């Protein structure tokens, strides 16, 4: 360290970079990661939508499901198939997010009430999609894109 400048020899003559109004590319990429990951998760679930619908229709006729949960399943199927949603289906991507959110909340409830065995008996997709962690990930990914007011309305419908 020199007495005059208070800087070490390795920093002598160098100036500190000025803070830029534009963040570095790494910071932009790090901020976009949750959105990209959430979008990828939701799109993967949209691709499995036929398997989920088959699951729900199979659960309607299953005698191991109680009547309250069957009504939940019927309501979820009607909401998903209806073009009139809280977020209309004609809006690309976002139109399916509220459907996915309601679907995953329904499946999460069915898993806790009816059990994993009952659901896997009707499931035709990859078994990992019915794991508790996978359902939780899809719920949080869908919630990332939905406004809080819509999430509350969907939760009240359950």
Protein backbone atom coordinates (compact mmCIF):
# COMPACT_ATOMS: atom_id res chain seq x y z
CA UNK A 1 0.00 0.00 0.00
CA UNK A 2 1.33 3.44 -0.78
CA UNK A 3 1.04 6.27 1.72
CA UNK A 4 -0.29 8.80 -0.77
CA UNK A 5 -3.01 6.92 -2.60
CA UNK A 6 -4.06 4.26 -0.09
CA UNK A 7 -4.11 1.72 -2.92
CA UNK A 8 -2.17 -1.47 -3.25
CA UNK A 9 0.43 -1.84 -5.93
CA UNK A 10 -1.83 -4.16 -7.94
CA UNK A 11 -4.55 -1.50 -8.27
CA UNK A 12 -2.22 1.45 -8.89
CA UNK A 13 -3.11 3.27 -12.03
CA UNK A 14 -6.41 1.42 -12.56
CA UNK A 15 -9.75 3.04 -12.22
CA UNK A 16 -12.83 1.32 -10.97
CA UNK A 17 -15.45 0.60 -13.60
CA UNK A 18 -18.36 2.98 -13.39
CA UNK A 19 -21.77 1.60 -12.58
CA UNK A 20 -23.68 1.30 -15.79
CA UNK A 21 -27.40 1.88 -16.18
CA UNK A 22 -27.51 -1.29 -18.25
CA UNK A 23 -27.03 -4.48 -16.18
CA UNK A 24 -24.50 -7.03 -17.41
CA UNK A 25 -25.76 -9.89 -19.56
CA UNK A 26 -25.21 -12.37 -16.72
CA UNK A 27 -27.60 -10.46 -14.45
CA UNK A 28 -30.24 -10.27 -17.18
CA UNK A 29 -29.92 -14.00 -17.80
CA UNK A 30 -30.15 -14.77 -14.08
CA UNK A 31 -33.33 -12.70 -13.77
CA UNK A 32 -34.90 -14.40 -16.80
CA UNK A 33 -34.10 -17.93 -15.55
CA UNK A 34 -37.14 -18.34 -13.25
CA UNK A 35 -39.45 -17.16 -16.01
CA UNK A 36 -37.86 -19.47 -18.58
CA UNK A 37 -37.93 -22.43 -16.21
CA UNK A 38 -41.53 -21.75 -15.22
CA UNK A 39 -42.57 -21.42 -18.86
CA UNK A 40 -40.83 -24.70 -19.73
CA UNK A 41 -42.56 -26.46 -16.81
CA UNK A 42 -46.00 -25.20 -17.80
CA UNK A 43 -45.47 -26.06 -21.48
CA UNK A 44 -44.39 -29.58 -20.51
CA UNK A 45 -47.61 -29.95 -18.53
CA UNK A 46 -49.66 -28.62 -21.45
CA UNK A 47 -48.19 -31.42 -23.57
CA UNK A 48 -49.44 -33.92 -20.97
CA UNK A 49 -52.92 -32.40 -20.88
CA UNK A 50 -54.52 -35.33 -22.79
CA UNK A 51 -53.13 -37.77 -20.20
CA UNK A 52 -54.41 -35.58 -17.36
CA UNK A 53 -57.85 -35.35 -18.95
CA UNK A 54 -57.93 -39.13 -19.36
CA UNK A 55 -57.00 -39.42 -15.69
CA UNK A 56 -59.80 -37.09 -14.60
CA UNK A 57 -62.43 -38.83 -16.75
CA UNK A 58 -61.32 -42.20 -15.37
CA UNK A 59 -61.62 -40.89 -11.81
CA UNK A 60 -65.23 -39.80 -12.40
CA UNK A 61 -66.28 -43.44 -12.77
CA UNK A 62 -63.98 -44.85 -10.06
CA UNK A 63 -65.91 -46.10 -7.03
CA UNK A 64 -62.94 -45.41 -4.71
CA UNK A 65 -63.39 -41.65 -5.16
CA UNK A 66 -65.91 -40.00 -2.82
CA UNK A 67 -68.76 -37.92 -4.22
CA UNK A 68 -67.29 -34.54 -3.19
CA UNK A 69 -64.03 -35.29 -5.00
CA UNK A 70 -65.97 -36.55 -8.04
CA UNK A 71 -67.79 -33.22 -8.17
CA UNK A 72 -64.40 -31.50 -8.00
CA UNK A 73 -63.20 -33.61 -10.94
CA UNK A 74 -66.33 -32.82 -12.97
CA UNK A 75 -65.87 -29.11 -12.24
CA UNK A 76 -62.19 -29.23 -13.23
CA UNK A 77 -62.97 -31.03 -16.50
CA UNK A 78 -65.76 -28.53 -17.30
CA UNK A 79 -63.47 -25.57 -16.54
CA UNK A 80 -60.62 -26.92 -18.65
CA UNK A 81 -62.87 -27.71 -21.63
CA UNK A 82 -64.81 -24.44 -21.40
CA UNK A 83 -63.54 -21.62 -23.62
CA UNK A 84 -64.82 -19.11 -21.05
CA UNK A 85 -62.22 -19.03 -18.26
CA UNK A 86 -60.80 -16.42 -15.96
CA UNK A 87 -58.05 -16.14 -18.59
CA UNK A 88 -59.63 -16.96 -22.00
CA UNK A 89 -58.08 -19.90 -23.84
CA UNK A 90 -57.62 -17.93 -27.07
CA UNK A 91 -54.77 -16.01 -25.41
CA UNK A 92 -51.66 -18.03 -26.30
CA UNK A 93 -49.89 -19.67 -23.36
CA UNK A 94 -51.61 -17.62 -20.62
CA UNK A 95 -54.98 -19.08 -21.61
CA UNK A 96 -53.75 -22.51 -20.58
CA UNK A 97 -51.95 -21.44 -17.40
CA UNK A 98 -55.12 -21.03 -15.34
CA UNK A 99 -56.34 -24.43 -16.59
CA UNK A 100 -53.05 -26.04 -15.54
CA UNK A 101 -53.19 -24.33 -12.14
CA UNK A 102 -56.71 -25.61 -11.43
CA UNK A 103 -55.84 -29.05 -12.78
CA UNK A 104 -52.79 -29.39 -10.52
CA UNK A 105 -54.69 -28.16 -7.47
CA UNK A 106 -57.38 -30.78 -8.19
CA UNK A 107 -54.82 -33.55 -8.61
CA UNK A 108 -53.02 -32.49 -5.45
CA UNK A 109 -56.29 -32.75 -3.51
CA UNK A 110 -57.11 -36.11 -5.10
CA UNK A 111 -53.68 -37.45 -4.18
CA UNK A 112 -54.21 -36.53 -0.55
CA UNK A 113 -57.82 -37.78 -0.38
CA UNK A 114 -57.87 -40.83 -2.65
CA UNK A 115 -54.22 -41.85 -2.61
CA UNK A 116 -51.51 -42.32 -5.19
CA UNK A 117 -52.57 -45.90 -6.08
CA UNK A 118 -56.02 -44.79 -7.23
CA UNK A 119 -54.56 -42.11 -9.48
CA UNK A 120 -51.83 -44.30 -10.94
CA UNK A 121 -54.47 -46.89 -11.90
CA UNK A 122 -55.90 -44.35 -14.37
CA UNK A 123 -52.67 -42.58 -15.36
CA UNK A 124 -51.23 -43.09 -18.85
CA UNK A 125 -48.42 -40.52 -18.72
CA UNK A 126 -44.97 -40.67 -17.13
CA UNK A 127 -45.28 -41.68 -13.47
CA UNK A 128 -42.92 -38.90 -12.39
CA UNK A 129 -45.57 -36.35 -13.44
CA UNK A 130 -47.73 -37.52 -10.52
CA UNK A 131 -45.00 -37.10 -7.91
CA UNK A 132 -45.66 -34.62 -5.12
CA UNK A 133 -42.58 -32.62 -6.08
CA UNK A 134 -43.57 -32.45 -9.75
CA UNK A 135 -47.08 -31.26 -8.91
CA UNK A 136 -45.67 -28.66 -6.53
CA UNK A 137 -43.26 -27.45 -9.24
CA UNK A 138 -46.04 -27.12 -11.80
CA UNK A 139 -48.24 -25.26 -9.31
CA UNK A 140 -45.50 -22.76 -8.50
CA UNK A 141 -44.64 -22.35 -12.20
CA UNK A 142 -48.26 -21.66 -13.11
CA UNK A 143 -48.64 -19.33 -10.12
CA UNK A 144 -45.64 -17.36 -11.41
CA UNK A 145 -47.69 -16.27 -14.44
CA UNK A 146 -51.10 -15.82 -12.79
CA UNK A 147 -52.08 -12.65 -10.98
CA UNK A 148 -52.83 -13.13 -7.28
CA UNK A 149 -56.55 -12.31 -7.75
CA UNK A 150 -57.00 -15.10 -10.30
CA UNK A 151 -55.16 -17.59 -8.09
CA UNK A 152 -57.50 -16.73 -5.23
CA UNK A 153 -60.59 -17.18 -7.40
CA UNK A 154 -59.38 -20.56 -8.62
CA UNK A 155 -58.61 -21.71 -5.07
CA UNK A 156 -62.12 -20.70 -3.97
CA UNK A 157 -63.60 -22.87 -6.72
CA UNK A 158 -61.99 -25.88 -5.10
